[in-house]
Amino acid sequence: MRISFSPQRRWATALVVEKTSGDRLRINGELFNFNAIPDGGTIPAGEIPCEWIVGPVERIDGEVRVTLILPHGPNPSHAVAFPEPITVTEDGPIEVPSDPEPSMAIEEPTNVDA
């Protein structure tokens, strides 16, 4: 399975993807089964009820190809703004490109004697 990404700025949204048996993807908890797509077959963009899948889902030379929205914050790294496609061959969680969460720690003011 080949997964491409389409970066998009989204606040407080995460993308969690897992490959399960065959050509099935669990995207943020929802399971999508692409096992039935024949070689050369395509599911047109918009026909899959998933806000994360953009563009058609195709099987080319036996490999399912899908493009997912990749959410990011206001200043994504180069790896997130311009992600490379990934090839997934094993079942399990898929590491998607991401940046570390910004620190939300509030610094204590320094006491300054005037």
N, C-alpha and C. Protein backbone atom coordinates (compact mmCIF):
# COMPACT_ATOMS: atom_id res chain seq x y z
N MET A 1 0.85 -1.16 0.00
CA MET A 1 0.00 0.00 0.00
C MET A 1 0.90 1.24 0.00
N ARG A 2 0.54 2.18 -0.85
CA ARG A 2 1.29 3.44 -0.92
C ARG A 2 0.38 4.57 -0.43
N ILE A 3 0.86 5.29 0.56
CA ILE A 3 0.09 6.40 1.13
C ILE A 3 0.82 7.70 0.82
N SER A 4 0.11 8.60 0.16
CA SER A 4 0.61 9.95 -0.09
C SER A 4 -0.14 10.88 0.85
N PHE A 5 0.41 12.07 1.04
CA PHE A 5 -0.20 13.02 1.97
C PHE A 5 -0.43 14.36 1.30
N SER A 6 -1.53 14.99 1.69
CA SER A 6 -1.87 16.33 1.25
C SER A 6 -1.93 17.21 2.50
N PRO A 7 -0.86 17.96 2.78
CA PRO A 7 -0.81 18.77 4.00
C PRO A 7 -1.92 19.82 4.04
N GLN A 8 -2.46 20.00 5.23
CA GLN A 8 -3.53 20.97 5.42
C GLN A 8 -3.46 21.49 6.85
N ARG A 9 -3.55 22.80 7.00
CA ARG A 9 -3.53 23.38 8.35
C ARG A 9 -4.87 23.10 9.03
N ARG A 10 -4.79 22.43 10.16
CA ARG A 10 -5.98 22.10 10.95
C ARG A 10 -5.61 22.21 12.41
N TRP A 11 -6.42 22.89 13.16
CA TRP A 11 -6.18 23.07 14.59
C TRP A 11 -6.68 21.87 15.37
N ALA A 12 -5.90 21.46 16.33
CA ALA A 12 -6.28 20.42 17.31
C ALA A 12 -6.84 19.17 16.65
N THR A 13 -6.27 18.77 15.53
CA THR A 13 -6.71 17.56 14.84
C THR A 13 -5.50 16.66 14.62
N ALA A 14 -5.68 15.40 14.94
CA ALA A 14 -4.59 14.44 14.76
C ALA A 14 -5.00 13.41 13.71
N LEU A 15 -4.03 12.81 13.08
CA LEU A 15 -4.27 11.73 12.13
C LEU A 15 -3.62 10.47 12.69
N VAL A 16 -4.45 9.47 12.95
CA VAL A 16 -3.97 8.19 13.46
C VAL A 16 -4.37 7.13 12.44
N VAL A 17 -3.37 6.43 11.89
CA VAL A 17 -3.62 5.47 10.82
C VAL A 17 -2.99 4.13 11.18
N GLU A 18 -3.74 3.07 10.88
CA GLU A 18 -3.25 1.71 11.13
C GLU A 18 -3.64 0.84 9.95
N LYS A 19 -2.70 0.02 9.47
CA LYS A 19 -3.00 -0.95 8.42
C LYS A 19 -3.40 -2.24 9.12
N THR A 20 -4.51 -2.80 8.67
CA THR A 20 -4.94 -4.08 9.21
C THR A 20 -4.90 -5.10 8.08
N SER A 21 -5.33 -6.32 8.34
CA SER A 21 -5.17 -7.41 7.39
C SER A 21 -5.58 -7.04 5.97
N GLY A 22 -4.72 -7.41 5.03
CA GLY A 22 -4.98 -7.09 3.63
C GLY A 22 -4.79 -5.61 3.38
N ASP A 23 -5.64 -5.07 2.54
CA ASP A 23 -5.57 -3.66 2.20
C ASP A 23 -6.68 -2.89 2.91
N ARG A 24 -6.60 -2.92 4.22
CA ARG A 24 -7.57 -2.20 5.04
C ARG A 24 -6.82 -1.16 5.87
N LEU A 25 -7.44 0.02 6.00
CA LEU A 25 -6.87 1.08 6.82
C LEU A 25 -7.87 1.50 7.89
N ARG A 26 -7.38 1.67 9.08
CA ARG A 26 -8.18 2.27 10.15
C ARG A 26 -7.67 3.70 10.27
N ILE A 27 -8.56 4.64 9.98
CA ILE A 27 -8.21 6.07 9.99
C ILE A 27 -9.00 6.73 11.11
N ASN A 28 -8.28 7.20 12.13
CA ASN A 28 -8.91 7.81 13.31
C ASN A 28 -10.07 6.97 13.82
N GLY A 29 -9.85 5.67 13.89
CA GLY A 29 -10.82 4.75 14.48
C GLY A 29 -11.81 4.14 13.51
N GLU A 30 -11.92 4.66 12.30
CA GLU A 30 -12.89 4.16 11.33
C GLU A 30 -12.19 3.27 10.30
N LEU A 31 -12.75 2.08 10.06
CA LEU A 31 -12.12 1.09 9.19
C LEU A 31 -12.60 1.23 7.74
N PHE A 32 -11.63 1.20 6.81
CA PHE A 32 -11.92 1.27 5.37
C PHE A 32 -11.24 0.08 4.71
N ASN A 33 -12.05 -0.71 3.96
CA ASN A 33 -11.57 -1.94 3.34
C ASN A 33 -11.41 -1.73 1.84
N PHE A 34 -10.17 -1.83 1.36
CA PHE A 34 -9.89 -1.66 -0.06
C PHE A 34 -9.51 -2.97 -0.73
N ASN A 35 -9.75 -4.10 -0.05
CA ASN A 35 -9.40 -5.41 -0.60
C ASN A 35 -10.10 -5.71 -1.92
N ALA A 36 -11.31 -5.23 -2.12
CA ALA A 36 -12.10 -5.57 -3.31
C ALA A 36 -11.74 -4.76 -4.56
N ILE A 37 -10.88 -3.77 -4.45
CA ILE A 37 -10.51 -2.99 -5.63
C ILE A 37 -9.65 -3.87 -6.55
N PRO A 38 -10.11 -4.10 -7.78
CA PRO A 38 -9.31 -4.94 -8.70
C PRO A 38 -8.12 -4.15 -9.24
N ASP A 39 -7.13 -4.86 -9.77
CA ASP A 39 -5.98 -4.19 -10.36
C ASP A 39 -6.46 -3.30 -11.50
N GLY A 40 -6.03 -2.06 -11.48
CA GLY A 40 -6.47 -1.08 -12.47
C GLY A 40 -7.76 -0.38 -12.06
N GLY A 41 -8.35 -0.81 -10.95
CA GLY A 41 -9.61 -0.22 -10.49
C GLY A 41 -9.40 1.05 -9.70
N THR A 42 -10.46 1.87 -9.67
CA THR A 42 -10.42 3.15 -8.99
C THR A 42 -11.73 3.42 -8.28
N ILE A 43 -11.64 3.93 -7.07
CA ILE A 43 -12.81 4.50 -6.40
C ILE A 43 -12.64 6.00 -6.55
N PRO A 44 -13.54 6.66 -7.26
CA PRO A 44 -13.38 8.10 -7.52
C PRO A 44 -13.36 8.93 -6.23
N ALA A 45 -12.69 10.07 -6.33
CA ALA A 45 -12.63 11.01 -5.21
C ALA A 45 -14.04 11.37 -4.77
N GLY A 46 -14.24 11.44 -3.49
CA GLY A 46 -15.53 11.84 -2.94
C GLY A 46 -16.51 10.71 -2.73
N GLU A 47 -16.23 9.50 -3.24
CA GLU A 47 -17.17 8.39 -3.06
C GLU A 47 -16.93 7.61 -1.78
N ILE A 48 -15.83 7.89 -1.10
CA ILE A 48 -15.55 7.23 0.17
C ILE A 48 -15.92 8.22 1.27
N PRO A 49 -16.81 7.83 2.17
CA PRO A 49 -17.26 8.76 3.21
C PRO A 49 -16.22 8.96 4.32
N CYS A 50 -15.14 9.63 3.95
CA CYS A 50 -14.06 9.87 4.91
C CYS A 50 -13.45 11.23 4.62
N GLU A 51 -13.47 12.11 5.61
CA GLU A 51 -12.92 13.45 5.40
C GLU A 51 -11.40 13.44 5.22
N TRP A 52 -10.73 12.35 5.58
CA TRP A 52 -9.27 12.28 5.51
C TRP A 52 -8.75 11.81 4.17
N ILE A 53 -9.59 11.11 3.40
CA ILE A 53 -9.17 10.60 2.09
C ILE A 53 -9.49 11.65 1.04
N VAL A 54 -8.45 12.07 0.32
CA VAL A 54 -8.64 13.05 -0.75
C VAL A 54 -8.12 12.43 -2.04
N GLY A 55 -8.84 12.64 -3.10
CA GLY A 55 -8.45 12.05 -4.38
C GLY A 55 -8.96 10.63 -4.49
N PRO A 56 -8.74 10.02 -5.65
CA PRO A 56 -9.20 8.66 -5.86
C PRO A 56 -8.34 7.65 -5.08
N VAL A 57 -8.92 6.48 -4.85
CA VAL A 57 -8.17 5.35 -4.30
C VAL A 57 -8.05 4.37 -5.46
N GLU A 58 -6.81 3.96 -5.76
CA GLU A 58 -6.56 3.13 -6.92
C GLU A 58 -5.73 1.91 -6.56
N ARG A 59 -5.83 0.88 -7.39
CA ARG A 59 -4.92 -0.26 -7.29
C ARG A 59 -4.14 -0.30 -8.61
N ILE A 60 -2.84 -0.06 -8.49
CA ILE A 60 -1.96 -0.03 -9.66
C ILE A 60 -0.86 -1.07 -9.45
N ASP A 61 -0.74 -1.98 -10.39
CA ASP A 61 0.24 -3.08 -10.29
C ASP A 61 0.12 -3.80 -8.96
N GLY A 62 -1.12 -4.02 -8.53
CA GLY A 62 -1.38 -4.77 -7.30
C GLY A 62 -1.28 -3.96 -6.01
N GLU A 63 -0.88 -2.71 -6.11
CA GLU A 63 -0.68 -1.88 -4.91
C GLU A 63 -1.79 -0.83 -4.79
N VAL A 64 -2.43 -0.79 -3.60
CA VAL A 64 -3.44 0.24 -3.34
C VAL A 64 -2.73 1.55 -3.09
N ARG A 65 -3.24 2.61 -3.71
CA ARG A 65 -2.69 3.95 -3.54
C ARG A 65 -3.79 4.88 -3.04
N VAL A 66 -3.47 5.57 -1.96
CA VAL A 66 -4.44 6.45 -1.33
C VAL A 66 -3.73 7.72 -0.88
N THR A 67 -4.45 8.84 -0.90
CA THR A 67 -3.91 10.11 -0.42
C THR A 67 -4.74 10.56 0.77
N LEU A 68 -4.03 10.88 1.86
CA LEU A 68 -4.68 11.32 3.09
C LEU A 68 -4.31 12.76 3.41
N ILE A 69 -5.25 13.50 3.97
CA ILE A 69 -4.95 14.83 4.49
C ILE A 69 -3.98 14.67 5.64
N LEU A 70 -2.96 15.50 5.67
CA LEU A 70 -1.99 15.50 6.76
C LEU A 70 -2.15 16.81 7.52
N PRO A 71 -2.78 16.76 8.70
CA PRO A 71 -2.99 18.02 9.44
C PRO A 71 -1.68 18.54 10.02
N HIS A 72 -1.58 19.86 10.08
CA HIS A 72 -0.40 20.47 10.69
C HIS A 72 -0.77 21.82 11.29
N GLY A 73 0.13 22.33 12.11
CA GLY A 73 -0.05 23.61 12.77
C GLY A 73 0.42 24.77 11.90
N PRO A 74 0.63 25.94 12.53
CA PRO A 74 0.92 27.16 11.77
C PRO A 74 2.30 27.20 11.09
N ASN A 75 3.29 26.50 11.59
CA ASN A 75 4.62 26.54 10.99
C ASN A 75 5.18 25.13 10.83
N PRO A 76 4.68 24.38 9.85
CA PRO A 76 5.14 23.00 9.72
C PRO A 76 6.59 22.92 9.26
N SER A 77 7.24 21.86 9.68
CA SER A 77 8.60 21.59 9.20
C SER A 77 8.52 21.23 7.72
N HIS A 78 9.67 21.18 7.07
CA HIS A 78 9.74 20.81 5.66
C HIS A 78 9.17 19.40 5.45
N ALA A 79 9.48 18.49 6.38
CA ALA A 79 9.01 17.10 6.27
C ALA A 79 7.49 17.00 6.33
N VAL A 80 6.84 17.92 7.03
CA VAL A 80 5.38 17.90 7.14
C VAL A 80 4.76 18.70 6.00
N ALA A 81 5.36 19.81 5.63
CA ALA A 81 4.82 20.65 4.55
C ALA A 81 4.98 19.98 3.18
N PHE A 82 6.03 19.17 3.04
CA PHE A 82 6.30 18.50 1.77
C PHE A 82 6.62 17.02 2.02
N PRO A 83 5.62 16.27 2.53
CA PRO A 83 5.89 14.87 2.92
C PRO A 83 6.09 13.95 1.72
N GLU A 84 6.99 13.01 1.90
CA GLU A 84 7.21 11.98 0.90
C GLU A 84 6.15 10.90 1.07
N PRO A 85 5.70 10.26 -0.02
CA PRO A 85 4.79 9.12 0.12
C PRO A 85 5.49 8.00 0.88
N ILE A 86 4.70 7.17 1.54
CA ILE A 86 5.27 6.03 2.26
C ILE A 86 4.66 4.74 1.72
N THR A 87 5.45 3.69 1.76
CA THR A 87 4.98 2.36 1.37
C THR A 87 4.82 1.55 2.63
N VAL A 88 3.63 0.96 2.80
CA VAL A 88 3.32 0.19 3.99
C VAL A 88 3.12 -1.26 3.58
N THR A 89 3.91 -2.16 4.18
CA THR A 89 3.81 -3.57 3.82
C THR A 89 3.35 -4.42 5.00
N GLU A 90 3.48 -3.91 6.20
CA GLU A 90 3.13 -4.69 7.39
C GLU A 90 1.91 -4.11 8.08
N ASP A 91 1.17 -4.98 8.75
CA ASP A 91 0.03 -4.53 9.55
C ASP A 91 0.54 -3.83 10.80
N GLY A 92 -0.25 -2.87 11.26
CA GLY A 92 0.09 -2.17 12.49
C GLY A 92 -0.02 -0.67 12.32
N PRO A 93 0.30 0.05 13.39
CA PRO A 93 0.24 1.52 13.33
C PRO A 93 1.21 2.07 12.28
N ILE A 94 0.80 3.14 11.63
CA ILE A 94 1.61 3.77 10.60
C ILE A 94 2.09 5.11 11.14
N GLU A 95 3.38 5.31 11.08
CA GLU A 95 3.94 6.59 11.52
C GLU A 95 3.77 7.61 10.41
N VAL A 96 2.95 8.61 10.66
CA VAL A 96 2.73 9.66 9.68
C VAL A 96 3.63 10.84 10.02
N PRO A 97 4.04 11.61 9.02
CA PRO A 97 4.89 12.77 9.30
C PRO A 97 4.19 13.72 10.27
N SER A 98 4.92 14.20 11.25
CA SER A 98 4.34 15.13 12.22
C SER A 98 5.44 15.95 12.86
N ASP A 99 5.05 17.06 13.44
CA ASP A 99 5.96 17.91 14.19
C ASP A 99 5.65 17.74 15.66
N PRO A 100 6.63 17.98 16.53
CA PRO A 100 6.35 17.88 17.97
C PRO A 100 5.30 18.91 18.37
N GLU A 101 4.53 18.54 19.37
CA GLU A 101 3.52 19.46 19.90
C GLU A 101 4.22 20.67 20.49
N PRO A 102 3.69 21.87 20.25
CA PRO A 102 4.30 23.05 20.86
C PRO A 102 4.11 23.02 22.37
N SER A 103 5.08 23.53 23.04
CA SER A 103 5.02 23.55 24.50
C SER A 103 3.95 24.53 24.95
N MET A 104 3.11 24.08 25.86
CA MET A 104 2.05 24.93 26.38
C MET A 104 2.41 25.41 27.79
N ALA A 105 3.64 25.16 28.20
CA ALA A 105 4.05 25.56 29.54
C ALA A 105 4.09 27.08 29.65
N ILE A 106 3.62 27.56 30.75
CA ILE A 106 3.64 28.99 31.02
C ILE A 106 4.82 29.25 31.94
N GLU A 107 5.67 30.14 31.51
CA GLU A 107 6.84 30.44 32.33
C GLU A 107 6.46 31.38 33.47
N GLU A 108 7.00 31.09 34.61
CA GLU A 108 6.78 31.95 35.77
C GLU A 108 7.60 33.22 35.60
N PRO A 109 7.01 34.36 35.93
CA PRO A 109 7.79 35.60 35.83
C PRO A 109 8.94 35.60 36.82
N THR A 110 10.01 36.21 36.42
CA THR A 110 11.18 36.31 37.29
C THR A 110 10.98 37.48 38.24
N ASN A 111 11.25 37.26 39.52
CA ASN A 111 11.17 38.34 40.50
C ASN A 111 12.32 39.29 40.29
N VAL A 112 11.99 40.53 40.09
CA VAL A 112 13.02 41.53 39.89
C VAL A 112 12.81 42.62 40.95
N ASP A 113 13.83 42.87 41.74
CA ASP A 113 13.73 43.93 42.73
C ASP A 113 14.00 45.26 42.05
N ALA A 114 13.10 46.18 42.27
CA ALA A 114 13.27 47.49 41.63
C ALA A 114 13.99 48.44 42.52
